[in-house]
Amino acid sequence: MATLLLSVMGAFAEFERALIRERQREGVALAKERGAYKGRRPTLSDEQRDELRSRAASGESKLQLAKNYGISRETVYQYIRLDHIPEGAARRVKA
């Protein structure tokens, strides 16, 4: 009897969780439509990005560039790898 009760309770909990996730997905979709999800702003301006790329191309240390611009070394490599980082891009680059 206890096993049956636990199984029924588990089924209700699973069903309730599915409803919550569905409502959450709908809410996120509505928020995206109204522009609430804009993403993170780029750390560097266009001028800084171009300067970073030219300094990296001239052979300056990536670690030194990261320290100068106040960003991580991985972020320096992302700016170098990408031709264009769109507004609000906080996207991952898969190697």
C-alpha atoms as a PDB file:
ATOM      1  CA  MET A   1       0.000   0.000   0.000  1.00  0.00           C
ATOM      2  CA  ALA A   2       2.816   2.412   0.893  1.00  0.00           C
ATOM      3  CA  THR A   3       4.512   1.740  -2.445  1.00  0.00           C
ATOM      4  CA  LEU A   4       1.308   2.547  -4.304  1.00  0.00           C
ATOM      5  CA  LEU A   5       0.881   5.795  -2.363  1.00  0.00           C
ATOM      6  CA  LEU A   6       4.460   6.831  -3.047  1.00  0.00           C
ATOM      7  CA  SER A   7       4.042   6.034  -6.745  1.00  0.00           C
ATOM      8  CA  VAL A   8       0.896   8.162  -6.982  1.00  0.00           C
ATOM      9  CA  MET A   9       2.551  11.045  -5.135  1.00  0.00           C
ATOM     10  CA  GLY A  10       5.570  10.784  -7.425  1.00  0.00           C
ATOM     11  CA  ALA A  11       3.336  10.887 -10.492  1.00  0.00           C
ATOM     12  CA  PHE A  12       1.574  14.028  -9.229  1.00  0.00           C
ATOM     13  CA  ALA A  13       4.895  15.693  -8.453  1.00  0.00           C
ATOM     14  CA  GLU A  14       6.218  14.860 -11.910  1.00  0.00           C
ATOM     15  CA  PHE A  15       3.050  16.206 -13.555  1.00  0.00           C
ATOM     16  CA  GLU A  16       3.182  19.419 -11.488  1.00  0.00           C
ATOM     17  CA  ARG A  17       6.843  19.939 -12.377  1.00  0.00           C
ATOM     18  CA  ALA A  18       6.031  19.531 -16.075  1.00  0.00           C
ATOM     19  CA  LEU A  19       3.336  22.213 -15.758  1.00  0.00           C
ATOM     20  CA  ILE A  20       5.755  24.579 -14.015  1.00  0.00           C
ATOM     21  CA  ARG A  21       8.381  24.117 -16.725  1.00  0.00           C
ATOM     22  CA  GLU A  22       5.809  24.703 -19.463  1.00  0.00           C
ATOM     23  CA  ARG A  23       4.648  27.949 -17.840  1.00  0.00           C
ATOM     24  CA  GLN A  24       8.262  29.030 -17.401  1.00  0.00           C
ATOM     25  CA  ARG A  25       9.021  28.407 -21.093  1.00  0.00           C
ATOM     26  CA  GLU A  26       5.970  30.460 -22.063  1.00  0.00           C
ATOM     27  CA  GLY A  27       7.075  33.297 -19.776  1.00  0.00           C
ATOM     28  CA  VAL A  28      10.583  33.315 -21.214  1.00  0.00           C
ATOM     29  CA  ALA A  29       9.195  33.357 -24.758  1.00  0.00           C
ATOM     30  CA  LEU A  30       6.980  36.352 -23.924  1.00  0.00           C
ATOM     31  CA  ALA A  31       9.894  38.160 -22.269  1.00  0.00           C
ATOM     32  CA  LYS A  32      12.052  37.597 -25.352  1.00  0.00           C
ATOM     33  CA  GLU A  33       9.301  39.023 -27.561  1.00  0.00           C
ATOM     34  CA  ARG A  34       9.125  42.210 -25.540  1.00  0.00           C
ATOM     35  CA  GLY A  35      12.917  42.518 -25.495  1.00  0.00           C
ATOM     36  CA  ALA A  36      13.669  41.716 -21.870  1.00  0.00           C
ATOM     37  CA  TYR A  37      16.428  39.266 -22.872  1.00  0.00           C
ATOM     38  CA  LYS A  38      19.045  41.402 -24.562  1.00  0.00           C
ATOM     39  CA  GLY A  39      22.170  39.602 -23.452  1.00  0.00           C
ATOM     40  CA  ARG A  40      25.329  41.027 -22.047  1.00  0.00           C
ATOM     41  CA  ARG A  41      26.893  44.154 -23.518  1.00  0.00           C
ATOM     42  CA  PRO A  42      30.323  43.743 -25.091  1.00  0.00           C
ATOM     43  CA  THR A  43      33.144  44.579 -22.699  1.00  0.00           C
ATOM     44  CA  LEU A  44      35.143  46.521 -25.257  1.00  0.00           C
ATOM     45  CA  SER A  45      33.999  49.256 -27.612  1.00  0.00           C
ATOM     46  CA  ASP A  46      34.529  48.902 -31.364  1.00  0.00           C
ATOM     47  CA  GLU A  47      37.620  51.113 -31.193  1.00  0.00           C
ATOM     48  CA  GLN A  48      39.093  49.120 -28.309  1.00  0.00           C
ATOM     49  CA  ARG A  49      38.360  45.853 -30.131  1.00  0.00           C
ATOM     50  CA  ASP A  50      40.141  47.053 -33.272  1.00  0.00           C
ATOM     51  CA  GLU A  51      43.091  48.299 -31.217  1.00  0.00           C
ATOM     52  CA  LEU A  52      43.269  44.973 -29.352  1.00  0.00           C
ATOM     53  CA  ARG A  53      43.352  43.052 -32.635  1.00  0.00           C
ATOM     54  CA  SER A  54      46.080  45.234 -34.129  1.00  0.00           C
ATOM     55  CA  ARG A  55      48.196  45.001 -30.967  1.00  0.00           C
ATOM     56  CA  ALA A  56      47.756  41.213 -30.916  1.00  0.00           C
ATOM     57  CA  ALA A  57      48.707  40.992 -34.590  1.00  0.00           C
ATOM     58  CA  SER A  58      51.883  42.953 -33.866  1.00  0.00           C
ATOM     59  CA  GLY A  59      52.888  40.239 -31.407  1.00  0.00           C
ATOM     60  CA  GLU A  60      52.004  41.754 -28.041  1.00  0.00           C
ATOM     61  CA  SER A  61      51.429  39.223 -25.265  1.00  0.00           C
ATOM     62  CA  LYS A  62      47.808  38.107 -24.867  1.00  0.00           C
ATOM     63  CA  LEU A  63      48.220  38.159 -21.103  1.00  0.00           C
ATOM     64  CA  GLN A  64      49.464  41.743 -21.201  1.00  0.00           C
ATOM     65  CA  LEU A  65      46.561  42.743 -23.447  1.00  0.00           C
ATOM     66  CA  ALA A  66      44.130  41.137 -21.004  1.00  0.00           C
ATOM     67  CA  LYS A  67      45.642  43.067 -18.102  1.00  0.00           C
ATOM     68  CA  ASN A  68      45.608  46.352 -20.030  1.00  0.00           C
ATOM     69  CA  TYR A  69      41.943  46.038 -21.013  1.00  0.00           C
ATOM     70  CA  GLY A  70      40.757  44.496 -17.725  1.00  0.00           C
ATOM     71  CA  ILE A  71      39.427  41.336 -19.357  1.00  0.00           C
ATOM     72  CA  SER A  72      40.374  37.679 -19.147  1.00  0.00           C
ATOM     73  CA  ARG A  73      42.870  36.073 -21.483  1.00  0.00           C
ATOM     74  CA  GLU A  74      40.112  33.875 -22.916  1.00  0.00           C
ATOM     75  CA  THR A  75      38.088  36.999 -23.738  1.00  0.00           C
ATOM     76  CA  VAL A  76      41.118  38.381 -25.601  1.00  0.00           C
ATOM     77  CA  TYR A  77      41.254  35.193 -27.664  1.00  0.00           C
ATOM     78  CA  GLN A  78      37.504  35.422 -28.357  1.00  0.00           C
ATOM     79  CA  TYR A  79      37.864  38.982 -29.626  1.00  0.00           C
ATOM     80  CA  ILE A  80      40.758  37.908 -31.834  1.00  0.00           C
ATOM     81  CA  ARG A  81      38.955  34.820 -33.199  1.00  0.00           C
ATOM     82  CA  LEU A  82      35.701  36.528 -34.057  1.00  0.00           C
ATOM     83  CA  ASP A  83      35.510  38.895 -36.990  1.00  0.00           C
ATOM     84  CA  HIS A  84      32.546  40.675 -35.478  1.00  0.00           C
ATOM     85  CA  ILE A  85      31.069  40.500 -32.007  1.00  0.00           C
ATOM     86  CA  PRO A  86      27.445  41.615 -32.324  1.00  0.00           C
ATOM     87  CA  GLU A  87      25.715  43.866 -29.808  1.00  0.00           C
ATOM     88  CA  GLY A  88      24.884  42.062 -26.623  1.00  0.00           C
ATOM     89  CA  ALA A  89      27.038  39.093 -27.469  1.00  0.00           C
ATOM     90  CA  ALA A  90      28.038  36.903 -24.648  1.00  0.00           C
ATOM     91  CA  ARG A  91      28.183  33.885 -26.851  1.00  0.00           C
ATOM     92  CA  ARG A  92      30.534  30.982 -26.521  1.00  0.00           C
ATOM     93  CA  VAL A  93      32.861  30.081 -29.318  1.00  0.00           C
ATOM     94  CA  LYS A  94      33.305  26.361 -29.757  1.00  0.00           C
ATOM     95  CA  ALA A  95      36.795  25.372 -30.787  1.00  0.00           C
END
